[in-house]
Amino acid sequence: MDLNILLVGDIVGKPGRRALREILPRLAAERAIDLVVANGENAAQGSGITQKIFEEIVRAGAGVVTMGDHVWKRKEVPGVLEREERLLRPANFPPESVGRGSIVVTGRAGRRIAVITLIGRIFMPVSDCPFHRVEEELARVGAETRIIFVEIHGEATSEKIAMGWHLDGRASCVFGTHTHVQTADECILPGGTAYITDLGMTGPHDSVIGRDKASVLHKFITQMHAPFHVATRDVALHGAVVRVDADTGRARAIERIRVRIPDEAAGDGGSEDP
């Protein structure tokens, strides 16, 4: 028996959330998806998440929502992390941090599926070593299931690739997030682990990684401060579908996903819910 797991790249602002609502139900039905894992750390005005937006992402079809370096951007987040066990923050944050970094959930087919999320250390905020921390998480979730998905939210491609090799044969899939640029290196590693360096971005691609081009260019050219508003056009869902043997946990296939919605359906990215 095989399971199909859909991984959704960083959801950016209102356009990204609309893309999720427009695309995800149809995509999940067409691909017989057992579980959707979506990165939501940019879902609220391009940075952070709220209770309301978490619930919106879950209603669209996500079974697990992961966060990254923007997790603490909204003051209500500690309470959301305490209430919502399917909202994950990086496991290699200090143990005093609110929330959890892994979970084992039951997919549509009734099989138990583990999700672990980590944050990289290269060009990122200070955190514990993801390579050491993942060993503890693997030991815990591995007692419940062989189907294990590991997210590495990181800036450096080398660090993410290294994590893929580190976990080859021990995780069903290692996937990267954070850069908002989908990579074309999806593969099955020799030990049976699916891998992709970055899922890409679910949001407006007529932009600079989701932000209005003019303000970002102003910042680069002048080095002066400029507010970075969420862009609005060329909205697409990026991610990957991974097919996994439910008995062994080994990946059989990984496929990149890129699905657009018409610009007229994208909505106003500059008018965000808080």
Protein backbone atom coordinates (compact mmCIF):
# COMPACT_ATOMS: atom_id res chain seq x y z
CA MET A 1 0.00 0.00 0.00
CA ASP A 2 1.27 3.44 -0.95
CA LEU A 3 0.50 6.81 0.64
CA ASN A 4 0.57 10.19 -1.10
CA ILE A 5 1.78 13.11 1.01
CA LEU A 6 1.50 16.68 -0.30
CA LEU A 7 4.09 19.18 0.93
CA VAL A 8 3.18 22.86 0.42
CA GLY A 9 5.87 25.55 0.20
CA ASP A 10 5.81 28.72 2.32
CA ILE A 11 2.35 30.32 2.21
CA VAL A 12 2.80 34.08 1.75
CA GLY A 13 0.06 36.46 2.85
CA LYS A 14 -3.49 36.68 1.63
CA PRO A 15 -2.65 35.69 -1.98
CA GLY A 16 -0.97 32.52 -0.76
CA ARG A 17 -3.90 31.64 1.47
CA ARG A 18 -6.29 32.19 -1.41
CA ALA A 19 -4.19 29.94 -3.64
CA LEU A 20 -4.42 27.28 -0.94
CA ARG A 21 -8.22 27.56 -0.81
CA GLU A 22 -8.57 27.58 -4.60
CA ILE A 23 -6.14 24.78 -5.41
CA LEU A 24 -5.70 22.45 -2.47
CA PRO A 25 -9.11 20.69 -2.30
CA ARG A 26 -9.02 19.81 -6.00
CA LEU A 27 -5.36 18.80 -5.93
CA ALA A 28 -5.86 16.63 -2.86
CA ALA A 29 -8.79 14.84 -4.49
CA GLU A 30 -7.02 14.32 -7.84
CA ARG A 31 -3.86 12.96 -6.23
CA ALA A 32 -5.60 10.92 -3.50
CA ILE A 33 -3.60 12.79 -0.86
CA ASP A 34 -3.39 11.16 2.57
CA LEU A 35 -1.87 14.13 4.41
CA VAL A 36 -1.01 17.76 3.60
CA VAL A 37 1.93 19.41 5.36
CA ALA A 38 2.12 23.19 4.76
CA ASN A 39 4.61 25.81 5.90
CA GLY A 40 2.64 28.74 7.35
CA GLU A 41 5.31 31.02 8.79
CA ASN A 42 4.66 33.79 6.22
CA ALA A 43 0.89 33.45 6.16
CA ALA A 44 -0.01 36.61 8.13
CA GLN A 45 0.85 39.69 6.07
CA GLY A 46 3.98 37.89 4.90
CA SER A 47 5.40 37.21 8.37
CA GLY A 48 4.07 35.00 11.16
CA ILE A 49 0.70 33.37 11.79
CA THR A 50 -2.41 33.96 13.90
CA GLN A 51 -5.06 31.68 15.36
CA LYS A 52 -7.54 32.76 12.69
CA ILE A 53 -5.09 32.16 9.86
CA PHE A 54 -4.00 28.78 11.26
CA GLU A 55 -7.64 27.73 11.25
CA GLU A 56 -8.03 29.02 7.69
CA ILE A 57 -5.09 26.90 6.51
CA VAL A 58 -6.49 23.81 8.25
CA ARG A 59 -9.94 24.38 6.71
CA ALA A 60 -8.28 24.49 3.29
CA GLY A 61 -7.00 20.96 3.91
CA ALA A 62 -3.66 21.09 5.74
CA GLY A 63 -3.19 18.41 8.38
CA VAL A 64 0.06 19.79 9.82
CA VAL A 65 1.28 23.42 9.67
CA THR A 66 4.97 24.17 10.23
CA MET A 67 6.76 27.37 11.16
CA GLY A 68 10.31 28.74 10.98
CA ASP A 69 12.31 31.83 11.91
CA HIS A 70 9.21 34.10 11.80
CA VAL A 71 7.28 32.00 14.29
CA TRP A 72 7.35 34.65 17.06
CA LYS A 73 6.30 37.62 14.88
CA ARG A 74 2.75 37.69 16.29
CA LYS A 75 2.22 38.17 20.01
CA GLU A 76 -0.59 35.62 20.16
CA VAL A 77 1.56 32.78 18.79
CA PRO A 78 2.64 31.25 22.13
CA GLY A 79 -1.00 30.67 22.98
CA VAL A 80 -1.71 29.23 19.54
CA LEU A 81 1.22 26.83 19.85
CA GLU A 82 -0.02 25.70 23.25
CA ARG A 83 -3.55 25.05 21.96
CA GLU A 84 -2.85 23.61 18.52
CA GLU A 85 -0.73 20.48 18.54
CA ARG A 86 -0.66 20.38 14.72
CA LEU A 87 1.10 23.74 14.57
CA LEU A 88 4.83 23.02 14.85
CA ARG A 89 7.80 25.27 15.56
CA PRO A 90 11.39 24.09 14.91
CA ALA A 91 12.34 21.18 17.16
CA ASN A 92 15.85 22.56 17.70
CA PHE A 93 14.65 25.71 19.42
CA PRO A 94 15.61 25.81 23.12
CA PRO A 95 13.62 23.37 25.28
CA GLU A 96 12.11 26.35 27.13
CA SER A 97 10.35 27.47 23.92
CA VAL A 98 6.58 27.10 23.81
CA GLY A 99 5.25 24.45 21.47
CA ARG A 100 6.54 21.26 19.90
CA GLY A 101 8.74 20.36 16.95
CA SER A 102 7.23 17.06 15.89
CA ILE A 103 3.97 15.16 15.79
CA VAL A 104 2.59 11.80 14.74
CA VAL A 105 -0.82 12.05 13.05
CA THR A 106 -3.21 9.64 11.38
CA GLY A 107 -3.60 10.10 7.63
CA ARG A 108 -6.74 9.51 5.59
CA ALA A 109 -5.82 5.86 5.02
CA GLY A 110 -5.51 5.28 8.77
CA ARG A 111 -1.70 5.04 8.78
CA ARG A 112 0.40 6.95 11.29
CA ILE A 113 2.65 9.63 9.77
CA ALA A 114 5.32 11.61 11.63
CA VAL A 115 6.34 15.18 10.82
CA ILE A 116 9.48 16.77 12.28
CA THR A 117 10.50 20.36 11.59
CA LEU A 118 13.98 21.83 12.10
CA ILE A 119 15.64 25.19 11.48
CA GLY A 120 19.08 25.58 9.95
CA ARG A 121 21.93 27.49 11.59
CA ILE A 122 23.72 29.01 8.56
CA PHE A 123 22.62 32.66 8.02
CA MET A 124 19.73 32.03 10.43
CA PRO A 125 18.94 32.96 14.06
CA VAL A 126 20.92 31.10 16.71
CA SER A 127 19.46 27.68 17.50
CA ASP A 128 20.53 24.27 18.73
CA CYS A 129 22.20 21.87 16.30
CA PRO A 130 19.55 20.41 13.96
CA PHE A 131 21.68 17.33 13.25
CA HIS A 132 21.83 16.38 16.93
CA ARG A 133 18.26 17.38 17.72
CA VAL A 134 16.75 15.34 14.90
CA GLU A 135 18.22 12.17 16.44
CA GLU A 136 16.12 12.69 19.57
CA GLU A 137 12.99 13.35 17.52
CA LEU A 138 13.59 10.30 15.30
CA ALA A 139 13.94 8.05 18.34
CA ARG A 140 10.63 9.29 19.71
CA VAL A 141 8.47 9.22 16.58
CA GLY A 142 10.18 6.09 15.24
CA ALA A 143 8.59 4.11 18.05
CA GLU A 144 5.20 4.86 16.46
CA THR A 145 5.76 4.80 12.70
CA ARG A 146 8.22 4.24 9.87
CA ILE A 147 6.66 7.03 7.80
CA ILE A 148 8.66 10.10 8.80
CA PHE A 149 8.81 13.48 7.05
CA VAL A 150 11.50 15.96 8.08
CA GLU A 151 11.45 19.65 7.15
CA ILE A 152 14.65 21.68 7.30
CA HIS A 153 13.82 25.40 7.23
CA GLY A 154 17.09 26.92 6.13
CA GLU A 155 18.91 29.47 4.01
CA ALA A 156 21.93 27.42 2.90
CA THR A 157 21.41 24.75 0.27
CA SER A 158 24.48 22.90 1.56
CA GLU A 159 23.00 22.53 5.03
CA LYS A 160 19.73 21.20 3.65
CA ILE A 161 21.46 18.76 1.29
CA ALA A 162 23.63 17.57 4.18
CA MET A 163 20.50 16.86 6.23
CA GLY A 164 19.12 14.79 3.37
CA TRP A 165 22.22 12.60 3.31
CA HIS A 166 22.31 12.47 7.12
CA LEU A 167 18.79 11.01 7.22
CA ASP A 168 18.92 8.87 4.08
CA GLY A 169 17.34 5.53 4.88
CA ARG A 170 15.98 6.79 8.19
CA ALA A 171 13.31 9.24 6.99
CA SER A 172 10.72 8.86 4.25
CA CYS A 173 11.40 12.38 3.04
CA VAL A 174 13.61 15.37 3.84
CA PHE A 175 12.38 18.64 2.35
CA GLY A 176 13.57 22.22 2.59
CA THR A 177 11.67 25.48 3.00
CA HIS A 178 12.44 29.18 3.62
CA THR A 179 14.02 30.53 0.40
CA HIS A 180 10.69 30.75 -1.48
CA VAL A 181 12.46 29.52 -4.64
CA GLN A 182 11.57 26.00 -5.77
CA THR A 183 14.58 23.85 -6.59
CA ALA A 184 14.78 21.25 -9.36
CA ASP A 185 16.76 18.62 -7.45
CA GLU A 186 13.97 16.33 -6.31
CA CYS A 187 15.20 12.74 -6.10
CA ILE A 188 15.10 9.46 -4.21
CA LEU A 189 18.36 9.00 -2.32
CA PRO A 190 20.02 5.54 -2.27
CA GLY A 191 18.56 4.60 1.11
CA GLY A 192 14.99 5.30 -0.01
CA THR A 193 14.55 8.86 1.28
CA ALA A 194 12.82 11.39 -0.97
CA TYR A 195 14.60 14.75 -1.06
CA ILE A 196 14.12 18.30 -2.37
CA THR A 197 16.16 21.34 -1.29
CA ASP A 198 13.24 23.80 -1.33
CA LEU A 199 9.53 23.40 -2.02
CA GLY A 200 9.19 26.98 -3.21
CA MET A 201 6.50 29.51 -2.38
CA THR A 202 2.71 29.46 -2.32
CA GLY A 203 1.99 33.08 -3.09
CA PRO A 204 2.62 35.91 -5.59
CA HIS A 205 5.52 35.17 -7.95
CA ASP A 206 5.45 38.54 -9.76
CA SER A 207 7.53 39.74 -6.84
CA VAL A 208 10.81 39.40 -4.99
CA ILE A 209 10.15 36.22 -2.98
CA GLY A 210 6.60 37.37 -2.31
CA ARG A 211 7.17 41.09 -1.72
CA ASP A 212 6.35 44.06 -3.92
CA LYS A 213 9.22 44.54 -6.38
CA ALA A 214 9.44 48.34 -6.19
CA SER A 215 9.98 48.51 -2.44
CA VAL A 216 12.58 45.74 -2.47
CA LEU A 217 14.48 47.38 -5.34
CA HIS A 218 14.38 50.71 -3.47
CA LYS A 219 15.97 49.02 -0.45
CA PHE A 220 18.69 47.32 -2.51
CA ILE A 221 19.57 50.39 -4.57
CA THR A 222 19.45 53.07 -1.86
CA GLN A 223 20.03 51.01 1.32
CA MET A 224 17.20 53.08 2.80
CA HIS A 225 14.35 51.52 4.74
CA ALA A 226 11.23 50.64 2.78
CA PRO A 227 8.15 48.74 3.97
CA PHE A 228 7.93 45.40 2.18
CA HIS A 229 4.30 44.81 1.22
CA VAL A 230 3.03 41.44 -0.01
CA ALA A 231 2.73 41.40 -3.80
CA THR A 232 -0.48 40.38 -5.57
CA ARG A 233 0.08 38.89 -9.03
CA ASP A 234 1.11 35.58 -10.63
CA VAL A 235 -0.10 33.57 -7.65
CA ALA A 236 0.75 29.89 -7.51
CA LEU A 237 0.96 26.95 -5.15
CA HIS A 238 4.40 25.33 -5.09
CA GLY A 239 5.29 22.10 -3.37
CA ALA A 240 5.81 18.39 -3.93
CA VAL A 241 3.90 15.12 -3.79
CA VAL A 242 5.75 12.18 -2.25
CA ARG A 243 4.61 8.57 -2.68
CA VAL A 244 5.64 6.34 0.21
CA ASP A 245 5.39 2.61 0.89
CA ALA A 246 3.18 2.53 3.98
CA ASP A 247 4.79 -0.63 5.35
CA THR A 248 8.48 0.20 4.96
CA GLY A 249 8.36 4.01 5.03
CA ARG A 250 10.60 4.13 1.95
CA ALA A 251 9.77 6.71 -0.72
CA ARG A 252 8.81 5.44 -4.16
CA ALA A 253 8.52 8.78 -5.97
CA ILE A 254 8.67 12.55 -5.54
CA GLU A 255 7.15 15.08 -7.95
CA ARG A 256 7.39 18.87 -7.89
CA ILE A 257 4.06 20.73 -7.99
CA ARG A 258 3.43 24.18 -9.52
CA VAL A 259 -0.22 25.27 -9.94
CA ARG A 260 -1.28 28.85 -10.76
CA ILE A 261 -4.56 30.68 -10.21
CA PRO A 262 -5.68 33.49 -12.55
CA ASP A 263 -4.51 36.96 -11.53
CA GLU A 264 -8.08 38.19 -11.31
CA ALA A 265 -8.68 35.60 -8.56
CA ALA A 266 -5.56 36.49 -6.60
CA GLY A 267 -7.08 39.32 -4.61
CA ASP A 268 -5.44 42.30 -2.95
CA GLY A 269 -2.25 41.25 -1.17
CA GLY A 270 -1.88 44.69 0.35
CA SER A 271 -5.08 44.48 2.37
CA GLU A 272 -4.35 41.81 4.94
CA ASP A 273 -6.15 40.34 7.88
CA PRO A 274 -4.18 41.06 11.07
